[in-house]
Amino acid sequence: MIDIPVRIDAKGKYYTKVVSTQTLAIIMRLNTGETVHGYMHIRPEHRLSDMMNDEQAFISLTDAIVSMGEEELYHTSFLCINRLGVQWVTPVQAIGESHEDDSDEHEHELADAANH
C-alpha cells in the first residue's frame, strides 16, 4: 500500500500531491518532421486543446515512439516536448472518424462559398 500524504481543509476538501489524470493516446507531428505516438495525461476537467494552450512550455508524454516517415527513431518511456515545436496533435481515436452524413452538405457549402 502506498502512503500518500493528505491535507484536509476546514471545508473538508482533500489535497494530495498526486494529480488525477486521464490517459489519452495521441499522434503528434513536430515542426522538424518527426511523428510522435504516445500518451498524454490530461486532467479530467481539461481537453486536449486546453493542454496544448496551457502556459507550461513543455508537454509530457509517456510510452512515446518517435518516427521519421516509416523509420522508428526511438522508443522512450518518458518524453518532454517544447510545445512551440508542435505542428499538430490529434487523439488516436479521432483518426478515421467519418462525417459521411455531413459530407454532401459540406461540399454544397464549399461550392456555394466558391461561387460568391
PDB file of N, CA and C in Angstrom:
ATOM      1  N   MET A   1       0.847  -1.181   0.000  1.00  0.00           N
ATOM      2  CA  MET A   1       0.000   0.000   0.000  1.00  0.00           C
ATOM      3  C   MET A   1       0.889   1.239   0.000  1.00  0.00           C
ATOM      4  N   ILE A   2       0.520   2.224  -0.813  1.00  0.00           N
ATOM      5  CA  ILE A   2       1.269   3.474  -0.892  1.00  0.00           C
ATOM      6  C   ILE A   2       0.661   4.471   0.073  1.00  0.00           C
ATOM      7  N   ASP A   3       1.517   5.105   0.850  1.00  0.00           N
ATOM      8  CA  ASP A   3       1.070   6.106   1.811  1.00  0.00           C
ATOM      9  C   ASP A   3       1.195   7.481   1.158  1.00  0.00           C
ATOM     10  N   ILE A   4       0.051   8.090   0.802  1.00  0.00           N
ATOM     11  CA  ILE A   4       0.041   9.401   0.158  1.00  0.00           C
ATOM     12  C   ILE A   4      -0.396  10.431   1.195  1.00  0.00           C
ATOM     13  N   PRO A   5       0.463  11.449   1.422  1.00  0.00           N
ATOM     14  CA  PRO A   5       0.082  12.480   2.386  1.00  0.00           C
ATOM     15  C   PRO A   5      -1.165  13.235   1.912  1.00  0.00           C
ATOM     16  N   VAL A   6      -2.098  13.434   2.827  1.00  0.00           N
ATOM     17  CA  VAL A   6      -3.339  14.121   2.510  1.00  0.00           C
ATOM     18  C   VAL A   6      -3.545  15.250   3.506  1.00  0.00           C
ATOM     19  N   ARG A   7      -3.965  16.414   2.978  1.00  0.00           N
ATOM     20  CA  ARG A   7      -4.322  17.545   3.834  1.00  0.00           C
ATOM     21  C   ARG A   7      -5.791  17.825   3.587  1.00  0.00           C
ATOM     22  N   ILE A   8      -6.547  18.046   4.657  1.00  0.00           N
ATOM     23  CA  ILE A   8      -7.976  18.339   4.538  1.00  0.00           C
ATOM     24  C   ILE A   8      -8.211  19.729   5.109  1.00  0.00           C
ATOM     25  N   ASP A   9      -8.834  20.605   4.283  1.00  0.00           N
ATOM     26  CA  ASP A   9      -9.070  21.968   4.766  1.00  0.00           C
ATOM     27  C   ASP A   9     -10.322  22.023   5.642  1.00  0.00           C
ATOM     28  N   ALA A  10     -10.658  23.223   6.124  1.00  0.00           N
ATOM     29  CA  ALA A  10     -11.778  23.408   7.048  1.00  0.00           C
ATOM     30  C   ALA A  10     -13.121  23.024   6.427  1.00  0.00           C
ATOM     31  N   LYS A  11     -13.217  23.098   5.078  1.00  0.00           N
ATOM     32  CA  LYS A  11     -14.465  22.752   4.398  1.00  0.00           C
ATOM     33  C   LYS A  11     -14.543  21.271   4.045  1.00  0.00           C
ATOM     34  N   GLY A  12     -13.492  20.505   4.363  1.00  0.00           N
ATOM     35  CA  GLY A  12     -13.498  19.074   4.093  1.00  0.00           C
ATOM     36  C   GLY A  12     -12.925  18.682   2.742  1.00  0.00           C
ATOM     37  N   LYS A  13     -12.326  19.652   2.034  1.00  0.00           N
ATOM     38  CA  LYS A  13     -11.732  19.344   0.729  1.00  0.00           C
ATOM     39  C   LYS A  13     -10.382  18.673   0.932  1.00  0.00           C
ATOM     40  N   TYR A  14     -10.139  17.603   0.145  1.00  0.00           N
ATOM     41  CA  TYR A  14      -8.900  16.841   0.233  1.00  0.00           C
ATOM     42  C   TYR A  14      -7.853  17.441  -0.709  1.00  0.00           C
ATOM     43  N   TYR A  15      -6.612  17.508  -0.243  1.00  0.00           N
ATOM     44  CA  TYR A  15      -5.472  17.950  -1.063  1.00  0.00           C
ATOM     45  C   TYR A  15      -4.376  16.897  -0.963  1.00  0.00           C
ATOM     46  N   THR A  16      -3.897  16.437  -2.108  1.00  0.00           N
ATOM     47  CA  THR A  16      -2.791  15.488  -2.146  1.00  0.00           C
ATOM     48  C   THR A  16      -1.766  15.979  -3.150  1.00  0.00           C
ATOM     49  N   LYS A  17      -0.575  15.389  -3.128  1.00  0.00           N
ATOM     50  CA  LYS A  17       0.447  15.731  -4.105  1.00  0.00           C
ATOM     51  C   LYS A  17       0.262  14.936  -5.391  1.00  0.00           C
ATOM     52  N   VAL A  18      -0.682  14.011  -5.399  1.00  0.00           N
ATOM     53  CA  VAL A  18      -0.968  13.201  -6.575  1.00  0.00           C
ATOM     54  C   VAL A  18      -2.056  13.904  -7.379  1.00  0.00           C
ATOM     55  N   VAL A  19      -1.811  14.085  -8.665  1.00  0.00           N
ATOM     56  CA  VAL A  19      -2.784  14.732  -9.547  1.00  0.00           C
ATOM     57  C   VAL A  19      -3.474  13.653 -10.378  1.00  0.00           C
ATOM     58  N   SER A  20      -4.787  13.627 -10.329  1.00  0.00           N
ATOM     59  CA  SER A  20      -5.543  12.658 -11.121  1.00  0.00           C
ATOM     60  C   SER A  20      -5.534  13.068 -12.587  1.00  0.00           C
ATOM     61  N   THR A  21      -5.304  12.106 -13.477  1.00  0.00           N
ATOM     62  CA  THR A  21      -5.309  12.378 -14.908  1.00  0.00           C
ATOM     63  C   THR A  21      -5.978  11.241 -15.656  1.00  0.00           C
ATOM     64  N   GLN A  22      -6.365  11.554 -16.895  1.00  0.00           N
ATOM     65  CA  GLN A  22      -6.866  10.538 -17.811  1.00  0.00           C
ATOM     66  C   GLN A  22      -5.816  10.368 -18.901  1.00  0.00           C
ATOM     67  N   THR A  23      -5.581   9.142 -19.319  1.00  0.00           N
ATOM     68  CA  THR A  23      -4.587   8.860 -20.345  1.00  0.00           C
ATOM     69  C   THR A  23      -5.239   8.954 -21.713  1.00  0.00           C
ATOM     70  N   LEU A  24      -4.598   9.706 -22.617  1.00  0.00           N
ATOM     71  CA  LEU A  24      -5.112   9.895 -23.970  1.00  0.00           C
ATOM     72  C   LEU A  24      -4.029   9.530 -24.973  1.00  0.00           C
ATOM     73  N   ALA A  25      -4.294   8.522 -25.810  1.00  0.00           N
ATOM     74  CA  ALA A  25      -3.357   8.139 -26.864  1.00  0.00           C
ATOM     75  C   ALA A  25      -3.402   9.212 -27.949  1.00  0.00           C
ATOM     76  N   ILE A  26      -2.219   9.726 -28.331  1.00  0.00           N
ATOM     77  CA  ILE A  26      -2.163  10.812 -29.315  1.00  0.00           C
ATOM     78  C   ILE A  26      -1.120  10.522 -30.398  1.00  0.00           C
ATOM     79  N   ILE A  27      -1.261  11.238 -31.507  1.00  0.00           N
ATOM     80  CA  ILE A  27      -0.226  11.308 -32.534  1.00  0.00           C
ATOM     81  C   ILE A  27       0.078  12.782 -32.710  1.00  0.00           C
ATOM     82  N   MET A  28       1.362  13.103 -32.722  1.00  0.00           N
ATOM     83  CA  MET A  28       1.804  14.486 -32.779  1.00  0.00           C
ATOM     84  C   MET A  28       2.835  14.631 -33.896  1.00  0.00           C
ATOM     85  N   ARG A  29       2.746  15.690 -34.676  1.00  0.00           N
ATOM     86  CA  ARG A  29       3.753  15.992 -35.697  1.00  0.00           C
ATOM     87  C   ARG A  29       4.556  17.190 -35.207  1.00  0.00           C
ATOM     88  N   LEU A  30       5.868  17.048 -35.228  1.00  0.00           N
ATOM     89  CA  LEU A  30       6.746  18.130 -34.803  1.00  0.00           C
ATOM     90  C   LEU A  30       7.137  18.995 -35.995  1.00  0.00           C
ATOM     91  N   ASN A  31       7.525  20.231 -35.729  1.00  0.00           N
ATOM     92  CA  ASN A  31       7.947  21.158 -36.778  1.00  0.00           C
ATOM     93  C   ASN A  31       9.155  20.639 -37.547  1.00  0.00           C
ATOM     94  N   THR A  32       9.926  19.759 -36.928  1.00  0.00           N
ATOM     95  CA  THR A  32      11.122  19.199 -37.562  1.00  0.00           C
ATOM     96  C   THR A  32      10.812  17.967 -38.409  1.00  0.00           C
ATOM     97  N   GLY A  33       9.523  17.572 -38.478  1.00  0.00           N
ATOM     98  CA  GLY A  33       9.103  16.486 -39.348  1.00  0.00           C
ATOM     99  C   GLY A  33       8.880  15.149 -38.676  1.00  0.00           C
ATOM    100  N   GLU A  34       9.345  14.970 -37.447  1.00  0.00           N
ATOM    101  CA  GLU A  34       9.129  13.707 -36.755  1.00  0.00           C
ATOM    102  C   GLU A  34       7.670  13.567 -36.344  1.00  0.00           C
ATOM    103  N   THR A  35       7.221  12.317 -36.267  1.00  0.00           N
ATOM    104  CA  THR A  35       5.898  11.994 -35.753  1.00  0.00           C
ATOM    105  C   THR A  35       6.092  11.274 -34.426  1.00  0.00           C
ATOM    106  N   VAL A  36       5.284  11.641 -33.452  1.00  0.00           N
ATOM    107  CA  VAL A  36       5.369  11.040 -32.125  1.00  0.00           C
ATOM    108  C   VAL A  36       4.037  10.382 -31.807  1.00  0.00           C
ATOM    109  N   HIS A  37       4.081   9.100 -31.465  1.00  0.00           N
ATOM    110  CA  HIS A  37       2.927   8.362 -30.959  1.00  0.00           C
ATOM    111  C   HIS A  37       3.187   8.179 -29.472  1.00  0.00           C
ATOM    112  N   GLY A  38       2.233   8.537 -28.641  1.00  0.00           N
ATOM    113  CA  GLY A  38       2.434   8.378 -27.210  1.00  0.00           C
ATOM    114  C   GLY A  38       1.163   8.663 -26.440  1.00  0.00           C
ATOM    115  N   TYR A  39       1.324   8.869 -25.148  1.00  0.00           N
ATOM    116  CA  TYR A  39       0.193   9.101 -24.262  1.00  0.00           C
ATOM    117  C   TYR A  39       0.373  10.407 -23.510  1.00  0.00           C
ATOM    118  N   MET A  40      -0.648  11.273 -23.603  1.00  0.00           N
ATOM    119  CA  MET A  40      -0.707  12.481 -22.784  1.00  0.00           C
ATOM    120  C   MET A  40      -1.570  12.148 -21.571  1.00  0.00           C
ATOM    121  N   HIS A  41      -1.269  12.803 -20.480  1.00  0.00           N
ATOM    122  CA  HIS A  41      -2.029  12.589 -19.252  1.00  0.00           C
ATOM    123  C   HIS A  41      -2.731  13.904 -18.924  1.00  0.00           C
ATOM    124  N   ILE A  42      -4.042  13.897 -19.123  1.00  0.00           N
ATOM    125  CA  ILE A  42      -4.841  15.112 -19.067  1.00  0.00           C
ATOM    126  C   ILE A  42      -5.737  15.092 -17.838  1.00  0.00           C
ATOM    127  N   ARG A  43      -5.805  16.218 -17.167  1.00  0.00           N
ATOM    128  CA  ARG A  43      -6.693  16.313 -16.011  1.00  0.00           C
ATOM    129  C   ARG A  43      -8.133  16.131 -16.478  1.00  0.00           C
ATOM    130  N   PRO A  44      -8.958  15.481 -15.662  1.00  0.00           N
ATOM    131  CA  PRO A  44     -10.327  15.161 -16.080  1.00  0.00           C
ATOM    132  C   PRO A  44     -11.143  16.367 -16.553  1.00  0.00           C
ATOM    133  N   GLU A  45     -10.890  17.543 -16.005  1.00  0.00           N
ATOM    134  CA  GLU A  45     -11.681  18.712 -16.395  1.00  0.00           C
ATOM    135  C   GLU A  45     -11.104  19.437 -17.619  1.00  0.00           C
ATOM    136  N   HIS A  46     -10.012  18.923 -18.200  1.00  0.00           N
ATOM    137  CA  HIS A  46      -9.380  19.544 -19.359  1.00  0.00           C
ATOM    138  C   HIS A  46      -9.624  18.751 -20.643  1.00  0.00           C
ATOM    139  N   ARG A  47      -9.455  19.445 -21.765  1.00  0.00           N
ATOM    140  CA  ARG A  47      -9.498  18.822 -23.090  1.00  0.00           C
ATOM    141  C   ARG A  47      -8.085  18.856 -23.657  1.00  0.00           C
ATOM    142  N   LEU A  48      -7.873  18.139 -24.755  1.00  0.00           N
ATOM    143  CA  LEU A  48      -6.572  18.152 -25.415  1.00  0.00           C
ATOM    144  C   LEU A  48      -6.185  19.576 -25.788  1.00  0.00           C
ATOM    145  N   SER A  49      -7.125  20.342 -26.320  1.00  0.00           N
ATOM    146  CA  SER A  49      -6.824  21.727 -26.701  1.00  0.00           C
ATOM    147  C   SER A  49      -6.437  22.576 -25.487  1.00  0.00           C
ATOM    148  N   ASP A  50      -7.018  22.296 -24.326  1.00  0.00           N
ATOM    149  CA  ASP A  50      -6.629  23.013 -23.105  1.00  0.00           C
ATOM    150  C   ASP A  50      -5.166  22.741 -22.766  1.00  0.00           C
ATOM    151  N   MET A  51      -4.759  21.494 -22.920  1.00  0.00           N
ATOM    152  CA  MET A  51      -3.366  21.129 -22.634  1.00  0.00           C
ATOM    153  C   MET A  51      -2.413  21.808 -23.613  1.00  0.00           C
ATOM    154  N   MET A  52      -2.804  21.885 -24.872  1.00  0.00           N
ATOM    155  CA  MET A  52      -1.941  22.492 -25.886  1.00  0.00           C
ATOM    156  C   MET A  52      -1.848  24.005 -25.711  1.00  0.00           C
ATOM    157  N   ASN A  53      -2.866  24.620 -25.125  1.00  0.00           N
ATOM    158  CA  ASN A  53      -2.865  26.064 -24.915  1.00  0.00           C
ATOM    159  C   ASN A  53      -2.433  26.459 -23.508  1.00  0.00           C
ATOM    160  N   ASP A  54      -1.993  25.499 -22.740  1.00  0.00           N
ATOM    161  CA  ASP A  54      -1.534  25.738 -21.373  1.00  0.00           C
ATOM    162  C   ASP A  54      -0.298  26.625 -21.385  1.00  0.00           C
ATOM    163  N   GLU A  55      -0.031  27.312 -20.292  1.00  0.00           N
ATOM    164  CA  GLU A  55       1.123  28.213 -20.228  1.00  0.00           C
ATOM    165  C   GLU A  55       2.454  27.494 -20.008  1.00  0.00           C
ATOM    166  N   GLN A  56       2.420  26.220 -19.637  1.00  0.00           N
ATOM    167  CA  GLN A  56       3.675  25.492 -19.436  1.00  0.00           C
ATOM    168  C   GLN A  56       4.378  25.295 -20.769  1.00  0.00           C
ATOM    169  N   ALA A  57       5.696  25.411 -20.766  1.00  0.00           N
ATOM    170  CA  ALA A  57       6.481  25.350 -22.003  1.00  0.00           C
ATOM    171  C   ALA A  57       6.568  23.946 -22.585  1.00  0.00           C
ATOM    172  N   PHE A  58       6.459  22.921 -21.747  1.00  0.00           N
ATOM    173  CA  PHE A  58       6.680  21.558 -22.223  1.00  0.00           C
ATOM    174  C   PHE A  58       5.445  20.680 -22.041  1.00  0.00           C
ATOM    175  N   ILE A  59       5.305  19.728 -22.957  1.00  0.00           N
ATOM    176  CA  ILE A  59       4.245  18.736 -22.920  1.00  0.00           C
ATOM    177  C   ILE A  59       4.899  17.408 -22.562  1.00  0.00           C
ATOM    178  N   SER A  60       4.372  16.731 -21.574  1.00  0.00           N
ATOM    179  CA  SER A  60       4.923  15.440 -21.165  1.00  0.00           C
ATOM    180  C   SER A  60       4.144  14.306 -21.821  1.00  0.00           C
ATOM    181  N   LEU A  61       4.890  13.352 -22.379  1.00  0.00           N
ATOM    182  CA  LEU A  61       4.307  12.157 -22.971  1.00  0.00           C
ATOM    183  C   LEU A  61       4.941  10.933 -22.339  1.00  0.00           C
ATOM    184  N   THR A  62       4.194   9.848 -22.273  1.00  0.00           N
ATOM    185  CA  THR A  62       4.752   8.585 -21.808  1.00  0.00           C
ATOM    186  C   THR A  62       4.627   7.557 -22.920  1.00  0.00           C
ATOM    187  N   ASP A  63       5.454   6.531 -22.839  1.00  0.00           N
ATOM    188  CA  ASP A  63       5.469   5.424 -23.798  1.00  0.00           C
ATOM    189  C   ASP A  63       5.451   5.968 -25.225  1.00  0.00           C
ATOM    190  N   ALA A  64       6.410   6.850 -25.516  1.00  0.00           N
ATOM    191  CA  ALA A  64       6.444   7.572 -26.787  1.00  0.00           C
ATOM    192  C   ALA A  64       7.340   6.884 -27.812  1.00  0.00           C
ATOM    193  N   ILE A  65       6.856   6.828 -29.055  1.00  0.00           N
ATOM    194  CA  ILE A  65       7.628   6.324 -30.186  1.00  0.00           C
ATOM    195  C   ILE A  65       7.811   7.488 -31.148  1.00  0.00           C
ATOM    196  N   VAL A  66       9.070   7.808 -31.457  1.00  0.00           N
ATOM    197  CA  VAL A  66       9.385   8.911 -32.362  1.00  0.00           C
ATOM    198  C   VAL A  66       9.829   8.322 -33.691  1.00  0.00           C
ATOM    199  N   SER A  67       9.182   8.768 -34.780  1.00  0.00           N
ATOM    200  CA  SER A  67       9.458   8.240 -36.110  1.00  0.00           C
ATOM    201  C   SER A  67       9.713   9.380 -37.082  1.00  0.00           C
ATOM    202  N   MET A  68      10.453   9.051 -38.144  1.00  0.00           N
ATOM    203  CA  MET A  68      10.611   9.952 -39.280  1.00  0.00           C
ATOM    204  C   MET A  68      10.197   9.142 -40.484  1.00  0.00           C
ATOM    205  N   GLY A  69       9.047   9.496 -41.064  1.00  0.00           N
ATOM    206  CA  GLY A  69       8.498   8.675 -42.141  1.00  0.00           C
ATOM    207  C   GLY A  69       8.151   7.299 -41.594  1.00  0.00           C
ATOM    208  N   GLU A  70       8.615   6.260 -42.258  1.00  0.00           N
ATOM    209  CA  GLU A  70       8.350   4.885 -41.828  1.00  0.00           C
ATOM    210  C   GLU A  70       9.391   4.368 -40.834  1.00  0.00           C
ATOM    211  N   GLU A  71      10.471   5.138 -40.622  1.00  0.00           N
ATOM    212  CA  GLU A  71      11.574   4.682 -39.766  1.00  0.00           C
ATOM    213  C   GLU A  71      11.357   5.090 -38.306  1.00  0.00           C
ATOM    214  N   GLU A  72      11.310   4.094 -37.411  1.00  0.00           N
ATOM    215  CA  GLU A  72      11.218   4.374 -35.983  1.00  0.00           C
ATOM    216  C   GLU A  72      12.595   4.794 -35.495  1.00  0.00           C
ATOM    217  N   LEU A  73      12.690   5.994 -34.942  1.00  0.00           N
ATOM    218  CA  LEU A  73      13.974   6.504 -34.455  1.00  0.00           C
ATOM    219  C   LEU A  73      14.271   6.013 -33.043  1.00  0.00           C
ATOM    220  N   TYR A  74      13.275   6.104 -32.157  1.00  0.00           N
ATOM    221  CA  TYR A  74      13.455   5.578 -30.811  1.00  0.00           C
ATOM    222  C   TYR A  74      12.127   5.464 -30.082  1.00  0.00           C
ATOM    223  N   HIS A  75      12.174   4.690 -29.002  1.00  0.00           N
ATOM    224  CA  HIS A  75      11.028   4.451 -28.128  1.00  0.00           C
ATOM    225  C   HIS A  75      11.500   4.800 -26.726  1.00  0.00           C
ATOM    226  N   THR A  76      10.742   5.630 -26.024  1.00  0.00           N
ATOM    227  CA  THR A  76      11.144   6.044 -24.690  1.00  0.00           C
ATOM    228  C   THR A  76       9.938   6.007 -23.750  1.00  0.00           C
ATOM    229  N   SER A  77      10.189   5.730 -22.477  1.00  0.00           N
ATOM    230  CA  SER A  77       9.091   5.667 -21.508  1.00  0.00           C
ATOM    231  C   SER A  77       8.582   7.055 -21.134  1.00  0.00           C
ATOM    232  N   PHE A  78       9.421   8.098 -21.330  1.00  0.00           N
ATOM    233  CA  PHE A  78       9.016   9.465 -20.975  1.00  0.00           C
ATOM    234  C   PHE A  78       9.671  10.446 -21.933  1.00  0.00           C
ATOM    235  N   LEU A  79       8.895  11.435 -22.392  1.00  0.00           N
ATOM    236  CA  LEU A  79       9.408  12.429 -23.323  1.00  0.00           C
ATOM    237  C   LEU A  79       8.748  13.773 -23.034  1.00  0.00           C
ATOM    238  N   CYS A  80       9.548  14.827 -22.921  1.00  0.00           N
ATOM    239  CA  CYS A  80       9.036  16.190 -22.797  1.00  0.00           C
ATOM    240  C   CYS A  80       9.305  16.908 -24.110  1.00  0.00           C
ATOM    241  N   ILE A  81       8.278  17.538 -24.656  1.00  0.00           N
ATOM    242  CA  ILE A  81       8.398  18.230 -25.935  1.00  0.00           C
ATOM    243  C   ILE A  81       8.018  19.691 -25.732  1.00  0.00           C
ATOM    244  N   ASN A  82       8.841  20.588 -26.277  1.00  0.00           N
ATOM    245  CA  ASN A  82       8.527  22.005 -26.230  1.00  0.00           C
ATOM    246  C   ASN A  82       7.297  22.240 -27.097  1.00  0.00           C
ATOM    247  N   ARG A  83       6.269  22.808 -26.518  1.00  0.00           N
ATOM    248  CA  ARG A  83       5.001  22.973 -27.249  1.00  0.00           C
ATOM    249  C   ARG A  83       5.141  23.872 -28.477  1.00  0.00           C
ATOM    250  N   LEU A  84       6.151  24.740 -28.514  1.00  0.00           N
ATOM    251  CA  LEU A  84       6.364  25.585 -29.688  1.00  0.00           C
ATOM    252  C   LEU A  84       6.843  24.763 -30.881  1.00  0.00           C
ATOM    253  N   GLY A  85       7.338  23.552 -30.632  1.00  0.00           N
ATOM    254  CA  GLY A  85       7.814  22.681 -31.692  1.00  0.00           C
ATOM    255  C   GLY A  85       6.754  21.760 -32.258  1.00  0.00           C
ATOM    256  N   VAL A  86       5.507  21.914 -31.816  1.00  0.00           N
ATOM    257  CA  VAL A  86       4.427  21.030 -32.256  1.00  0.00           C
ATOM    258  C   VAL A  86       3.664  21.670 -33.412  1.00  0.00           C
ATOM    259  N   GLN A  87       3.573  20.933 -34.498  1.00  0.00           N
ATOM    260  CA  GLN A  87       2.822  21.403 -35.667  1.00  0.00           C
ATOM    261  C   GLN A  87       1.340  21.070 -35.521  1.00  0.00           C
ATOM    262  N   TRP A  88       1.031  19.811 -35.157  1.00  0.00           N
ATOM    263  CA  TRP A  88      -0.341  19.405 -34.895  1.00  0.00           C
ATOM    264  C   TRP A  88      -0.359  18.201 -33.967  1.00  0.00           C
ATOM    265  N   VAL A  89      -1.514  17.965 -33.364  1.00  0.00           N
ATOM    266  CA  VAL A  89      -1.711  16.805 -32.492  1.00  0.00           C
ATOM    267  C   VAL A  89      -3.166  16.363 -32.613  1.00  0.00           C
ATOM    268  N   THR A  90      -3.386  15.055 -32.568  1.00  0.00           N
ATOM    269  CA  THR A  90      -4.743  14.519 -32.628  1.00  0.00           C
ATOM    270  C   THR A  90      -4.848  13.291 -31.740  1.00  0.00           C
ATOM    271  N   PRO A  91      -6.005  13.083 -31.134  1.00  0.00           N
ATOM    272  CA  PRO A  91      -6.208  11.825 -30.413  1.00  0.00           C
ATOM    273  C   PRO A  91      -6.254  10.676 -31.422  1.00  0.00           C
ATOM    274  N   VAL A  92      -5.667   9.552 -31.079  1.00  0.00           N
ATOM    275  CA  VAL A  92      -5.681   8.386 -31.959  1.00  0.00           C
ATOM    276  C   VAL A  92      -7.116   7.996 -32.284  1.00  0.00           C
ATOM    277  N   GLN A  93      -8.008   8.072 -31.307  1.00  0.00           N
ATOM    278  CA  GLN A  93      -9.397   7.661 -31.522  1.00  0.00           C
ATOM    279  C   GLN A  93     -10.110   8.528 -32.559  1.00  0.00           C
ATOM    280  N   ALA A  94      -9.616   9.724 -32.832  1.00  0.00           N
ATOM    281  CA  ALA A  94     -10.254  10.611 -33.809  1.00  0.00           C
ATOM    282  C   ALA A  94      -9.855  10.281 -35.243  1.00  0.00           C
ATOM    283  N   ILE A  95      -8.781   9.539 -35.422  1.00  0.00           N
ATOM    284  CA  ILE A  95      -8.319   9.200 -36.766  1.00  0.00           C
ATOM    285  C   ILE A  95      -9.293   8.234 -37.404  1.00  0.00           C
ATOM    286  N   GLY A  96      -9.706   8.556 -38.605  1.00  0.00           N
ATOM    287  CA  GLY A  96     -10.628   7.692 -39.316  1.00  0.00           C
ATOM    288  C   GLY A  96     -12.083   7.950 -39.010  1.00  0.00           C
ATOM    289  N   GLU A  97     -12.366   8.871 -38.070  1.00  0.00           N
ATOM    290  CA  GLU A  97     -13.760   9.216 -37.828  1.00  0.00           C
ATOM    291  C   GLU A  97     -14.299   9.878 -39.074  1.00  0.00           C
ATOM    292  N   SER A  98     -15.468   9.504 -39.449  1.00  0.00           N
ATOM    293  CA  SER A  98     -16.044   9.983 -40.693  1.00  0.00           C
ATOM    294  C   SER A  98     -17.268  10.828 -40.418  1.00  0.00           C
ATOM    295  N   HIS A  99     -17.421  11.819 -41.239  1.00  0.00           N
ATOM    296  CA  HIS A  99     -18.623  12.646 -41.181  1.00  0.00           C
ATOM    297  C   HIS A  99     -19.361  12.483 -42.504  1.00  0.00           C
ATOM    298  N   GLU A 100     -19.521  11.229 -42.918  1.00  0.00           N
ATOM    299  CA  GLU A 100     -20.139  10.928 -44.207  1.00  0.00           C
ATOM    300  C   GLU A 100     -21.537  11.515 -44.317  1.00  0.00           C
ATOM    301  N   ASP A 101     -22.271  11.530 -43.216  1.00  0.00           N
ATOM    302  CA  ASP A 101     -23.626  12.075 -43.255  1.00  0.00           C
ATOM    303  C   ASP A 101     -23.618  13.552 -43.606  1.00  0.00           C
ATOM    304  N   ASP A 102     -22.543  14.275 -43.217  1.00  0.00           N
ATOM    305  CA  ASP A 102     -22.442  15.705 -43.449  1.00  0.00           C
ATOM    306  C   ASP A 102     -21.720  16.034 -44.748  1.00  0.00           C
ATOM    307  N   SER A 103     -21.071  15.056 -45.386  1.00  0.00           N
ATOM    308  CA  SER A 103     -20.162  15.356 -46.481  1.00  0.00           C
ATOM    309  C   SER A 103     -20.849  16.044 -47.654  1.00  0.00           C
ATOM    310  N   ASP A 104     -22.035  15.618 -48.045  1.00  0.00           N
ATOM    311  CA  ASP A 104     -22.734  16.262 -49.155  1.00  0.00           C
ATOM    312  C   ASP A 104     -23.087  17.696 -48.818  1.00  0.00           C
ATOM    313  N   GLU A 105     -23.570  17.898 -47.603  1.00  0.00           N
ATOM    314  CA  GLU A 105     -23.930  19.248 -47.172  1.00  0.00           C
ATOM    315  C   GLU A 105     -22.697  20.143 -47.149  1.00  0.00           C
ATOM    316  N   HIS A 106     -21.586  19.622 -46.664  1.00  0.00           N
ATOM    317  CA  HIS A 106     -20.337  20.392 -46.584  1.00  0.00           C
ATOM    318  C   HIS A 106     -19.843  20.751 -47.982  1.00  0.00           C
ATOM    319  N   GLU A 107     -19.907  19.796 -48.912  1.00  0.00           N
ATOM    320  CA  GLU A 107     -19.488  20.062 -50.287  1.00  0.00           C
ATOM    321  C   GLU A 107     -20.332  21.160 -50.912  1.00  0.00           C
ATOM    322  N   HIS A 108     -21.655  21.156 -50.640  1.00  0.00           N
ATOM    323  CA  HIS A 108     -22.535  22.192 -51.167  1.00  0.00           C
ATOM    324  C   HIS A 108     -22.176  23.555 -50.570  1.00  0.00           C
ATOM    325  N   GLU A 109     -21.865  23.584 -49.268  1.00  0.00           N
ATOM    326  CA  GLU A 109     -21.479  24.838 -48.633  1.00  0.00           C
ATOM    327  C   GLU A 109     -20.204  25.385 -49.249  1.00  0.00           C
ATOM    328  N   LEU A 110     -19.230  24.501 -49.509  1.00  0.00           N
ATOM    329  CA  LEU A 110     -17.966  24.940 -50.131  1.00  0.00           C
ATOM    330  C   LEU A 110     -18.205  25.453 -51.535  1.00  0.00           C
ATOM    331  N   ALA A 111     -19.056  24.759 -52.296  1.00  0.00           N
ATOM    332  CA  ALA A 111     -19.370  25.187 -53.665  1.00  0.00           C
ATOM    333  C   ALA A 111     -20.078  26.535 -53.651  1.00  0.00           C
ATOM    334  N   ASP A 112     -21.025  26.722 -52.744  1.00  0.00           N
ATOM    335  CA  ASP A 112     -21.728  27.999 -52.650  1.00  0.00           C
ATOM    336  C   ASP A 112     -20.770  29.132 -52.289  1.00  0.00           C
ATOM    337  N   ALA A 113     -19.860  28.860 -51.380  1.00  0.00           N
ATOM    338  CA  ALA A 113     -18.890  29.872 -50.953  1.00  0.00           C
ATOM    339  C   ALA A 113     -17.958  30.232 -52.110  1.00  0.00           C
ATOM    340  N   ALA A 114     -17.572  29.250 -52.933  1.00  0.00           N
ATOM    341  CA  ALA A 114     -16.684  29.496 -54.056  1.00  0.00           C
ATOM    342  C   ALA A 114     -17.373  30.291 -55.154  1.00  0.00           C
ATOM    343  N   ASN A 115     -18.692  30.146 -55.245  1.00  0.00           N
ATOM    344  CA  ASN A 115     -19.455  30.851 -56.282  1.00  0.00           C
ATOM    345  C   ASN A 115     -19.806  32.281 -55.920  1.00  0.00           C
ATOM    346  N   HIS A 116     -19.580  32.681 -54.702  1.00  0.00           N
ATOM    347  CA  HIS A 116     -19.928  34.038 -54.268  1.00  0.00           C
ATOM    348  C   HIS A 116     -18.738  34.930 -54.208  1.00  0.00           C
TER     349      HIS A 116
END
